[in-house]
Amino acid sequence: MTDTNIEIIQGDITKQEVDAIVNAANNHLWMGAGTAGAIVRAGGREIEDEAIRQGPIGVGEAVVTGPGNLACQHVIHAAAMGQDLHTSADKIRSSTDNALKRAEELGVASIAFPALGTGVGGFDYEHAAQIMLEVCLSHSGGNRSLRTVRFVLFDQRAFEAFERVAQSVLSAAESHK
């Protein structure tokens, strides 16, 4: 992700004008509450139907579906938890990493992430932000298509936590250049 622009905004991920959005998925790819529910409501049931046909997948893996009625071109379903709806730092790290790999395989220039594992999974916002931002930075360099990574946080507390963590993680990364 050479010259990658990392953005933190508060808003609705289903309304983002990006090439791909990430769904905070379970490994069976059922789309119930939270981000997944919002994606199905805005984009249509065909997104879930297409996802389920590809499952179940391993926790930490990611698969791609069409966008249904959404403005994006792809929905990347990142399984940050299993059927037990519990997550961990390793699961969030792997699912973020695999979502970015799918984005690169698709050749997309922009992607929007929710705070993986923080809703139904109950994971701490700041810890999730730290992990996800570090994974994004580890994908930097080289000849990559991805130019914009946007973190779209619906909840005010999540937005504030990601903003705080981004300031420290991004400044630390700049000082190591």
N, C-alpha and C. Protein backbone atom coordinates (compact mmCIF):
# COMPACT_ATOMS: atom_id res chain seq x y z
N MET A 1 0.83 -1.18 0.00
CA MET A 1 0.00 0.00 0.00
C MET A 1 0.88 1.24 0.00
N THR A 2 1.60 1.45 -1.04
CA THR A 2 2.44 2.61 -1.18
C THR A 2 1.59 3.86 -1.06
N ASP A 3 2.05 4.81 -0.26
CA ASP A 3 1.32 6.07 -0.08
C ASP A 3 -0.14 5.85 0.29
N THR A 4 -0.37 4.91 1.17
CA THR A 4 -1.74 4.61 1.58
C THR A 4 -2.27 5.71 2.48
N ASN A 5 -3.48 6.11 2.18
CA ASN A 5 -4.17 7.10 2.98
C ASN A 5 -5.06 6.35 3.97
N ILE A 6 -4.85 6.54 5.27
CA ILE A 6 -5.68 5.91 6.28
C ILE A 6 -6.61 6.97 6.85
N GLU A 7 -7.91 6.69 6.78
CA GLU A 7 -8.93 7.63 7.24
C GLU A 7 -9.75 7.00 8.36
N ILE A 8 -10.14 7.83 9.32
CA ILE A 8 -11.02 7.40 10.40
C ILE A 8 -12.23 8.32 10.36
N ILE A 9 -13.42 7.75 10.12
CA ILE A 9 -14.62 8.59 10.08
C ILE A 9 -15.74 7.94 10.87
N GLN A 10 -16.69 8.75 11.26
CA GLN A 10 -17.90 8.23 11.90
C GLN A 10 -18.98 8.24 10.83
N GLY A 11 -19.68 7.11 10.68
CA GLY A 11 -20.72 7.06 9.67
C GLY A 11 -21.25 5.66 9.44
N ASP A 12 -21.90 5.50 8.31
CA ASP A 12 -22.54 4.26 7.91
C ASP A 12 -21.71 3.61 6.81
N ILE A 13 -21.16 2.44 7.07
CA ILE A 13 -20.28 1.77 6.10
C ILE A 13 -21.00 1.46 4.79
N THR A 14 -22.31 1.27 4.85
CA THR A 14 -23.05 0.92 3.63
C THR A 14 -23.19 2.10 2.67
N LYS A 15 -22.89 3.30 3.13
CA LYS A 15 -23.02 4.50 2.29
C LYS A 15 -21.67 4.99 1.77
N GLN A 16 -20.60 4.24 2.01
CA GLN A 16 -19.27 4.68 1.60
C GLN A 16 -19.06 4.50 0.10
N GLU A 17 -18.43 5.49 -0.51
CA GLU A 17 -18.08 5.41 -1.93
C GLU A 17 -16.64 4.92 -2.03
N VAL A 18 -16.50 3.61 -1.89
CA VAL A 18 -15.21 2.93 -1.97
C VAL A 18 -15.39 1.71 -2.88
N ASP A 19 -14.29 1.09 -3.27
CA ASP A 19 -14.37 -0.09 -4.13
C ASP A 19 -14.91 -1.31 -3.39
N ALA A 20 -14.53 -1.44 -2.11
CA ALA A 20 -14.96 -2.61 -1.32
C ALA A 20 -15.25 -2.19 0.11
N ILE A 21 -16.26 -2.85 0.70
CA ILE A 21 -16.48 -2.68 2.13
C ILE A 21 -16.28 -4.04 2.79
N VAL A 22 -15.90 -4.01 4.06
CA VAL A 22 -15.67 -5.24 4.81
C VAL A 22 -16.84 -5.48 5.76
N ASN A 23 -17.30 -6.71 5.76
CA ASN A 23 -18.33 -7.15 6.69
C ASN A 23 -17.66 -7.85 7.86
N ALA A 24 -18.05 -7.49 9.06
CA ALA A 24 -17.58 -8.18 10.28
C ALA A 24 -18.39 -9.47 10.38
N ALA A 25 -17.83 -10.56 9.89
CA ALA A 25 -18.59 -11.80 9.72
C ALA A 25 -18.26 -12.85 10.78
N ASN A 26 -19.16 -13.84 10.86
CA ASN A 26 -18.86 -15.08 11.59
C ASN A 26 -18.44 -16.09 10.53
N ASN A 27 -17.86 -17.19 10.95
CA ASN A 27 -17.29 -18.11 9.97
C ASN A 27 -18.32 -18.90 9.16
N HIS A 28 -19.61 -18.84 9.55
CA HIS A 28 -20.65 -19.47 8.73
C HIS A 28 -21.26 -18.46 7.76
N LEU A 29 -20.85 -17.20 7.91
CA LEU A 29 -21.22 -16.11 7.01
C LEU A 29 -22.69 -15.74 7.03
N TRP A 30 -23.39 -16.12 8.11
CA TRP A 30 -24.76 -15.66 8.31
C TRP A 30 -24.69 -14.19 8.67
N MET A 31 -25.62 -13.40 8.18
CA MET A 31 -25.59 -11.97 8.38
C MET A 31 -26.80 -11.55 9.22
N GLY A 32 -26.57 -11.38 10.52
CA GLY A 32 -27.66 -11.06 11.43
C GLY A 32 -27.66 -9.62 11.88
N ALA A 33 -26.95 -9.34 12.95
CA ALA A 33 -26.99 -8.02 13.59
C ALA A 33 -25.79 -7.17 13.18
N GLY A 34 -25.70 -5.98 13.76
CA GLY A 34 -24.54 -5.11 13.60
C GLY A 34 -24.26 -4.74 12.15
N THR A 35 -22.97 -4.73 11.80
CA THR A 35 -22.53 -4.37 10.45
C THR A 35 -23.17 -5.29 9.41
N ALA A 36 -23.17 -6.59 9.69
CA ALA A 36 -23.73 -7.56 8.73
C ALA A 36 -25.20 -7.26 8.45
N GLY A 37 -25.95 -7.00 9.50
CA GLY A 37 -27.38 -6.68 9.34
C GLY A 37 -27.58 -5.41 8.53
N ALA A 38 -26.75 -4.41 8.79
CA ALA A 38 -26.85 -3.15 8.04
C ALA A 38 -26.55 -3.37 6.57
N ILE A 39 -25.57 -4.22 6.28
CA ILE A 39 -25.20 -4.50 4.88
C ILE A 39 -26.35 -5.20 4.15
N VAL A 40 -26.96 -6.18 4.81
CA VAL A 40 -28.09 -6.90 4.19
C VAL A 40 -29.28 -5.96 3.98
N ARG A 41 -29.57 -5.12 4.98
CA ARG A 41 -30.70 -4.19 4.84
C ARG A 41 -30.48 -3.22 3.68
N ALA A 42 -29.26 -2.72 3.55
CA ALA A 42 -28.99 -1.73 2.50
C ALA A 42 -28.71 -2.37 1.14
N GLY A 43 -28.06 -3.53 1.14
CA GLY A 43 -27.61 -4.12 -0.11
C GLY A 43 -28.46 -5.25 -0.65
N GLY A 44 -29.25 -5.87 0.24
CA GLY A 44 -30.12 -6.95 -0.21
C GLY A 44 -29.66 -8.32 0.27
N ARG A 45 -30.62 -9.21 0.35
CA ARG A 45 -30.42 -10.57 0.85
C ARG A 45 -29.46 -11.38 -0.04
N GLU A 46 -29.33 -11.01 -1.33
CA GLU A 46 -28.44 -11.76 -2.21
C GLU A 46 -26.99 -11.74 -1.74
N ILE A 47 -26.58 -10.72 -1.01
CA ILE A 47 -25.21 -10.66 -0.47
C ILE A 47 -25.02 -11.81 0.51
N GLU A 48 -25.98 -11.97 1.43
CA GLU A 48 -25.89 -13.06 2.40
C GLU A 48 -25.98 -14.42 1.71
N ASP A 49 -26.87 -14.57 0.76
CA ASP A 49 -27.02 -15.84 0.06
C ASP A 49 -25.72 -16.24 -0.62
N GLU A 50 -25.07 -15.29 -1.29
CA GLU A 50 -23.80 -15.56 -1.96
C GLU A 50 -22.70 -15.90 -0.96
N ALA A 51 -22.70 -15.20 0.17
CA ALA A 51 -21.69 -15.47 1.21
C ALA A 51 -21.86 -16.88 1.78
N ILE A 52 -23.09 -17.23 2.14
CA ILE A 52 -23.36 -18.54 2.75
C ILE A 52 -22.96 -19.68 1.82
N ARG A 53 -23.13 -19.49 0.54
CA ARG A 53 -22.73 -20.54 -0.43
C ARG A 53 -21.22 -20.81 -0.37
N GLN A 54 -20.44 -19.84 0.13
CA GLN A 54 -18.99 -20.01 0.21
C GLN A 54 -18.52 -20.53 1.58
N GLY A 55 -19.45 -20.67 2.52
CA GLY A 55 -19.08 -21.05 3.88
C GLY A 55 -19.38 -22.49 4.16
N PRO A 56 -19.05 -22.93 5.37
CA PRO A 56 -18.30 -22.14 6.35
C PRO A 56 -16.82 -22.02 5.96
N ILE A 57 -16.19 -21.00 6.52
CA ILE A 57 -14.76 -20.76 6.30
C ILE A 57 -14.07 -20.77 7.66
N GLY A 58 -12.77 -20.81 7.66
CA GLY A 58 -12.03 -20.76 8.91
C GLY A 58 -12.13 -19.39 9.55
N VAL A 59 -12.15 -19.36 10.87
CA VAL A 59 -12.12 -18.07 11.56
C VAL A 59 -10.80 -17.40 11.21
N GLY A 60 -10.88 -16.14 10.83
CA GLY A 60 -9.70 -15.39 10.39
C GLY A 60 -9.60 -15.29 8.88
N GLU A 61 -10.37 -16.11 8.16
CA GLU A 61 -10.37 -16.08 6.70
C GLU A 61 -11.34 -15.01 6.19
N ALA A 62 -11.30 -14.78 4.87
CA ALA A 62 -12.19 -13.78 4.26
C ALA A 62 -12.57 -14.24 2.86
N VAL A 63 -13.83 -13.98 2.49
CA VAL A 63 -14.34 -14.28 1.15
C VAL A 63 -15.01 -13.04 0.58
N VAL A 64 -15.19 -13.06 -0.74
CA VAL A 64 -15.73 -11.90 -1.45
C VAL A 64 -17.08 -12.24 -2.08
N THR A 65 -18.01 -11.29 -1.99
CA THR A 65 -19.28 -11.40 -2.72
C THR A 65 -19.51 -10.12 -3.50
N GLY A 66 -20.55 -10.17 -4.31
CA GLY A 66 -20.99 -8.97 -5.00
C GLY A 66 -21.60 -8.00 -4.01
N PRO A 67 -21.91 -6.78 -4.47
CA PRO A 67 -22.39 -5.73 -3.59
C PRO A 67 -23.91 -5.62 -3.47
N GLY A 68 -24.65 -6.44 -4.20
CA GLY A 68 -26.10 -6.24 -4.17
C GLY A 68 -26.42 -4.84 -4.65
N ASN A 69 -27.20 -4.11 -3.84
CA ASN A 69 -27.60 -2.75 -4.19
C ASN A 69 -26.69 -1.67 -3.61
N LEU A 70 -25.54 -2.04 -3.07
CA LEU A 70 -24.61 -1.07 -2.48
C LEU A 70 -23.83 -0.35 -3.58
N ALA A 71 -23.26 0.80 -3.24
CA ALA A 71 -22.49 1.59 -4.20
C ALA A 71 -21.11 1.00 -4.48
N CYS A 72 -20.59 0.18 -3.58
CA CYS A 72 -19.27 -0.41 -3.77
C CYS A 72 -19.32 -1.51 -4.83
N GLN A 73 -18.15 -2.05 -5.17
CA GLN A 73 -18.09 -3.13 -6.17
C GLN A 73 -18.04 -4.52 -5.53
N HIS A 74 -17.57 -4.59 -4.27
CA HIS A 74 -17.38 -5.87 -3.59
C HIS A 74 -17.67 -5.74 -2.11
N VAL A 75 -18.12 -6.84 -1.51
CA VAL A 75 -18.20 -6.95 -0.06
C VAL A 75 -17.24 -8.07 0.33
N ILE A 76 -16.31 -7.75 1.22
CA ILE A 76 -15.35 -8.73 1.71
C ILE A 76 -15.80 -9.13 3.11
N HIS A 77 -16.10 -10.41 3.27
CA HIS A 77 -16.62 -10.94 4.53
C HIS A 77 -15.44 -11.50 5.33
N ALA A 78 -15.04 -10.80 6.39
CA ALA A 78 -13.90 -11.19 7.21
C ALA A 78 -14.41 -11.85 8.49
N ALA A 79 -14.13 -13.13 8.63
CA ALA A 79 -14.64 -13.91 9.78
C ALA A 79 -13.79 -13.66 11.01
N ALA A 80 -14.18 -12.65 11.77
CA ALA A 80 -13.45 -12.29 12.99
C ALA A 80 -13.91 -13.11 14.19
N MET A 81 -14.91 -13.99 13.98
CA MET A 81 -15.39 -14.85 15.08
C MET A 81 -16.07 -16.08 14.50
N GLY A 82 -16.22 -17.08 15.37
CA GLY A 82 -16.90 -18.30 14.98
C GLY A 82 -18.36 -18.25 15.39
N GLN A 83 -19.01 -19.41 15.36
CA GLN A 83 -20.42 -19.49 15.74
C GLN A 83 -20.64 -19.11 17.19
N ASP A 84 -19.60 -19.26 18.02
CA ASP A 84 -19.73 -18.93 19.44
C ASP A 84 -19.78 -17.41 19.66
N LEU A 85 -19.53 -16.64 18.60
CA LEU A 85 -19.56 -15.17 18.62
C LEU A 85 -18.50 -14.57 19.53
N HIS A 86 -17.44 -15.31 19.81
CA HIS A 86 -16.30 -14.79 20.58
C HIS A 86 -15.15 -14.53 19.62
N THR A 87 -14.38 -13.52 19.94
CA THR A 87 -13.24 -13.19 19.10
C THR A 87 -12.00 -13.03 19.98
N SER A 88 -10.87 -12.75 19.35
CA SER A 88 -9.61 -12.55 20.06
C SER A 88 -8.72 -11.66 19.20
N ALA A 89 -7.61 -11.24 19.77
CA ALA A 89 -6.66 -10.41 19.03
C ALA A 89 -6.18 -11.14 17.78
N ASP A 90 -5.87 -12.43 17.91
CA ASP A 90 -5.38 -13.20 16.76
C ASP A 90 -6.44 -13.31 15.66
N LYS A 91 -7.70 -13.49 16.05
CA LYS A 91 -8.77 -13.60 15.06
C LYS A 91 -8.98 -12.28 14.33
N ILE A 92 -8.90 -11.19 15.06
CA ILE A 92 -9.05 -9.86 14.43
C ILE A 92 -7.86 -9.59 13.51
N ARG A 93 -6.66 -9.92 13.96
CA ARG A 93 -5.46 -9.74 13.15
C ARG A 93 -5.57 -10.53 11.84
N SER A 94 -5.91 -11.81 11.94
CA SER A 94 -6.00 -12.67 10.74
C SER A 94 -7.10 -12.21 9.80
N SER A 95 -8.26 -11.86 10.34
CA SER A 95 -9.37 -11.46 9.46
C SER A 95 -9.07 -10.13 8.77
N THR A 96 -8.40 -9.21 9.45
CA THR A 96 -8.01 -7.94 8.82
C THR A 96 -6.99 -8.21 7.72
N ASP A 97 -6.00 -9.03 8.02
CA ASP A 97 -4.96 -9.38 7.06
C ASP A 97 -5.56 -10.05 5.82
N ASN A 98 -6.46 -11.00 6.03
CA ASN A 98 -7.06 -11.71 4.89
C ASN A 98 -8.01 -10.82 4.10
N ALA A 99 -8.69 -9.89 4.75
CA ALA A 99 -9.53 -8.93 4.02
C ALA A 99 -8.66 -8.07 3.10
N LEU A 100 -7.50 -7.64 3.59
CA LEU A 100 -6.59 -6.84 2.78
C LEU A 100 -6.02 -7.66 1.62
N LYS A 101 -5.75 -8.94 1.87
CA LYS A 101 -5.27 -9.81 0.78
C LYS A 101 -6.32 -9.97 -0.31
N ARG A 102 -7.60 -10.16 0.10
CA ARG A 102 -8.67 -10.27 -0.90
C ARG A 102 -8.78 -8.96 -1.69
N ALA A 103 -8.65 -7.82 -1.01
CA ALA A 103 -8.72 -6.52 -1.68
C ALA A 103 -7.62 -6.40 -2.73
N GLU A 104 -6.41 -6.81 -2.38
CA GLU A 104 -5.29 -6.76 -3.33
C GLU A 104 -5.53 -7.69 -4.50
N GLU A 105 -6.05 -8.89 -4.23
CA GLU A 105 -6.35 -9.84 -5.30
C GLU A 105 -7.36 -9.25 -6.28
N LEU A 106 -8.30 -8.46 -5.77
CA LEU A 106 -9.33 -7.82 -6.60
C LEU A 106 -8.79 -6.57 -7.31
N GLY A 107 -7.67 -6.06 -6.85
CA GLY A 107 -7.09 -4.85 -7.43
C GLY A 107 -7.80 -3.58 -7.05
N VAL A 108 -8.49 -3.58 -5.90
CA VAL A 108 -9.23 -2.39 -5.50
C VAL A 108 -8.29 -1.29 -4.99
N ALA A 109 -8.73 -0.06 -5.15
CA ALA A 109 -7.95 1.10 -4.70
C ALA A 109 -8.39 1.61 -3.34
N SER A 110 -9.65 1.30 -2.95
CA SER A 110 -10.16 1.82 -1.67
C SER A 110 -11.03 0.77 -0.98
N ILE A 111 -10.91 0.76 0.34
CA ILE A 111 -11.64 -0.22 1.15
C ILE A 111 -12.11 0.46 2.43
N ALA A 112 -13.27 0.05 2.93
CA ALA A 112 -13.79 0.57 4.19
C ALA A 112 -13.98 -0.60 5.16
N PHE A 113 -13.44 -0.45 6.35
CA PHE A 113 -13.53 -1.44 7.42
C PHE A 113 -14.41 -0.94 8.55
N PRO A 114 -15.19 -1.84 9.16
CA PRO A 114 -15.80 -1.53 10.46
C PRO A 114 -14.77 -1.91 11.53
N ALA A 115 -15.12 -1.73 12.79
CA ALA A 115 -14.26 -2.16 13.90
C ALA A 115 -14.53 -3.65 14.13
N LEU A 116 -13.73 -4.50 13.50
CA LEU A 116 -13.95 -5.94 13.56
C LEU A 116 -13.93 -6.46 15.00
N GLY A 117 -14.91 -7.29 15.32
CA GLY A 117 -14.95 -7.97 16.62
C GLY A 117 -15.45 -7.16 17.79
N THR A 118 -15.80 -5.89 17.57
CA THR A 118 -16.15 -5.03 18.71
C THR A 118 -17.64 -4.98 19.01
N GLY A 119 -18.46 -5.38 18.06
CA GLY A 119 -19.91 -5.35 18.29
C GLY A 119 -20.34 -6.59 19.05
N VAL A 120 -20.90 -7.55 18.32
CA VAL A 120 -21.34 -8.81 18.92
C VAL A 120 -20.18 -9.50 19.63
N GLY A 121 -18.97 -9.40 19.06
CA GLY A 121 -17.79 -10.05 19.64
C GLY A 121 -17.33 -9.43 20.96
N GLY A 122 -17.73 -8.18 21.22
CA GLY A 122 -17.44 -7.53 22.49
C GLY A 122 -15.99 -7.14 22.73
N PHE A 123 -15.17 -7.12 21.69
CA PHE A 123 -13.74 -6.81 21.86
C PHE A 123 -13.56 -5.30 22.10
N ASP A 124 -12.56 -4.94 22.86
CA ASP A 124 -12.26 -3.55 23.21
C ASP A 124 -11.92 -2.72 21.95
N TYR A 125 -12.54 -1.55 21.82
CA TYR A 125 -12.33 -0.69 20.66
C TYR A 125 -10.86 -0.33 20.45
N GLU A 126 -10.21 0.13 21.51
CA GLU A 126 -8.82 0.58 21.35
C GLU A 126 -7.90 -0.56 20.96
N HIS A 127 -8.10 -1.73 21.56
CA HIS A 127 -7.27 -2.89 21.23
C HIS A 127 -7.51 -3.30 19.78
N ALA A 128 -8.77 -3.32 19.35
CA ALA A 128 -9.09 -3.64 17.95
C ALA A 128 -8.45 -2.63 17.01
N ALA A 129 -8.52 -1.35 17.35
CA ALA A 129 -7.92 -0.30 16.52
C ALA A 129 -6.42 -0.51 16.39
N GLN A 130 -5.76 -0.79 17.49
CA GLN A 130 -4.31 -1.02 17.48
C GLN A 130 -3.96 -2.16 16.52
N ILE A 131 -4.65 -3.27 16.66
CA ILE A 131 -4.39 -4.44 15.83
C ILE A 131 -4.65 -4.13 14.35
N MET A 132 -5.82 -3.59 14.06
CA MET A 132 -6.21 -3.36 12.67
C MET A 132 -5.31 -2.33 11.98
N LEU A 133 -4.95 -1.27 12.68
CA LEU A 133 -4.06 -0.26 12.10
C LEU A 133 -2.67 -0.83 11.86
N GLU A 134 -2.17 -1.62 12.80
CA GLU A 134 -0.84 -2.23 12.60
C GLU A 134 -0.84 -3.18 11.41
N VAL A 135 -1.91 -3.95 11.25
CA VAL A 135 -2.00 -4.86 10.10
C VAL A 135 -2.02 -4.05 8.80
N CYS A 136 -2.78 -2.97 8.78
CA CYS A 136 -2.82 -2.13 7.57
C CYS A 136 -1.44 -1.58 7.24
N LEU A 137 -0.72 -1.13 8.25
CA LEU A 137 0.63 -0.61 8.01
C LEU A 137 1.58 -1.70 7.54
N SER A 138 1.38 -2.93 8.01
CA SER A 138 2.25 -4.03 7.58
C SER A 138 2.02 -4.38 6.11
N HIS A 139 0.90 -3.95 5.55
CA HIS A 139 0.63 -4.19 4.13
C HIS A 139 1.17 -3.05 3.26
N SER A 140 1.86 -2.09 3.87
CA SER A 140 2.33 -0.94 3.09
C SER A 140 3.61 -1.31 2.35
N GLY A 141 3.91 -0.53 1.35
CA GLY A 141 5.11 -0.75 0.56
C GLY A 141 4.83 -1.61 -0.66
N GLY A 142 5.77 -1.63 -1.55
CA GLY A 142 5.60 -2.45 -2.74
C GLY A 142 4.64 -1.84 -3.73
N ASN A 143 4.32 -2.61 -4.74
CA ASN A 143 3.44 -2.14 -5.81
C ASN A 143 2.03 -2.68 -5.56
N ARG A 144 1.28 -2.00 -4.75
CA ARG A 144 -0.06 -2.47 -4.37
C ARG A 144 -1.12 -1.54 -4.93
N SER A 145 -2.29 -2.11 -5.17
CA SER A 145 -3.39 -1.31 -5.73
C SER A 145 -4.08 -0.45 -4.68
N LEU A 146 -4.10 -0.91 -3.43
CA LEU A 146 -4.85 -0.24 -2.37
C LEU A 146 -4.22 1.10 -2.00
N ARG A 147 -5.00 2.16 -2.14
CA ARG A 147 -4.53 3.52 -1.86
C ARG A 147 -5.22 4.16 -0.65
N THR A 148 -6.45 3.71 -0.36
CA THR A 148 -7.21 4.29 0.75
C THR A 148 -7.79 3.18 1.61
N VAL A 149 -7.48 3.25 2.90
CA VAL A 149 -8.11 2.37 3.89
C VAL A 149 -8.89 3.29 4.82
N ARG A 150 -10.20 3.10 4.83
CA ARG A 150 -11.07 3.95 5.64
C ARG A 150 -11.70 3.09 6.74
N PHE A 151 -11.56 3.54 7.97
CA PHE A 151 -12.23 2.89 9.09
C PHE A 151 -13.51 3.68 9.35
N VAL A 152 -14.65 3.02 9.20
CA VAL A 152 -15.95 3.68 9.33
C VAL A 152 -16.60 3.16 10.60
N LEU A 153 -16.71 4.03 11.59
CA LEU A 153 -17.23 3.66 12.89
C LEU A 153 -18.60 4.27 13.10
N PHE A 154 -19.55 3.42 13.38
CA PHE A 154 -20.93 3.87 13.57
C PHE A 154 -21.09 4.52 14.94
N ASP A 155 -20.48 3.93 15.94
CA ASP A 155 -20.62 4.33 17.34
C ASP A 155 -19.61 5.44 17.69
N GLN A 156 -20.05 6.45 18.43
CA GLN A 156 -19.19 7.57 18.82
C GLN A 156 -17.97 7.10 19.62
N ARG A 157 -18.17 6.17 20.56
CA ARG A 157 -17.05 5.68 21.37
C ARG A 157 -16.03 4.95 20.51
N ALA A 158 -16.49 4.18 19.55
CA ALA A 158 -15.58 3.48 18.64
C ALA A 158 -14.79 4.49 17.80
N PHE A 159 -15.49 5.48 17.28
CA PHE A 159 -14.84 6.52 16.48
C PHE A 159 -13.74 7.22 17.28
N GLU A 160 -14.05 7.63 18.50
CA GLU A 160 -13.06 8.32 19.34
C GLU A 160 -11.87 7.42 19.66
N ALA A 161 -12.13 6.15 19.94
CA ALA A 161 -11.05 5.21 20.26
C ALA A 161 -10.14 5.03 19.04
N PHE A 162 -10.72 4.83 17.86
CA PHE A 162 -9.92 4.63 16.64
C PHE A 162 -9.13 5.90 16.32
N GLU A 163 -9.73 7.06 16.51
CA GLU A 163 -9.00 8.31 16.27
C GLU A 163 -7.79 8.43 17.19
N ARG A 164 -7.99 8.16 18.48
CA ARG A 164 -6.88 8.24 19.45
C ARG A 164 -5.75 7.28 19.08
N VAL A 165 -6.11 6.04 18.83
CA VAL A 165 -5.10 5.03 18.52
C VAL A 165 -4.41 5.34 17.19
N ALA A 166 -5.16 5.81 16.20
CA ALA A 166 -4.57 6.13 14.90
C ALA A 166 -3.51 7.22 15.03
N GLN A 167 -3.77 8.21 15.86
CA GLN A 167 -2.80 9.29 16.04
C GLN A 167 -1.47 8.73 16.54
N SER A 168 -1.52 7.85 17.53
CA SER A 168 -0.27 7.32 18.07
C SER A 168 0.38 6.30 17.14
N VAL A 169 -0.41 5.40 16.55
CA VAL A 169 0.16 4.37 15.66
C VAL A 169 0.76 5.02 14.41
N LEU A 170 0.02 5.95 13.81
CA LEU A 170 0.52 6.58 12.59
C LEU A 170 1.72 7.48 12.84
N SER A 171 1.75 8.18 14.01
CA SER A 171 2.94 9.00 14.30
C SER A 171 4.15 8.12 14.56
N ALA A 172 3.94 6.99 15.23
CA ALA A 172 5.05 6.06 15.48
C ALA A 172 5.58 5.50 14.16
N ALA A 173 4.68 5.20 13.24
CA ALA A 173 5.10 4.68 11.93
C ALA A 173 5.89 5.72 11.15
N GLU A 174 5.45 6.98 11.22
CA GLU A 174 6.15 8.07 10.54
C GLU A 174 7.57 8.26 11.10
N SER A 175 7.70 8.13 12.42
CA SER A 175 9.01 8.35 13.04
C SER A 175 9.99 7.23 12.73
N HIS A 176 9.49 6.07 12.27
CA HIS A 176 10.37 4.95 11.91
C HIS A 176 10.77 4.95 10.44
N LYS A 177 10.28 5.94 9.69
CA LYS A 177 10.63 6.00 8.25
C LYS A 177 12.00 6.58 8.07
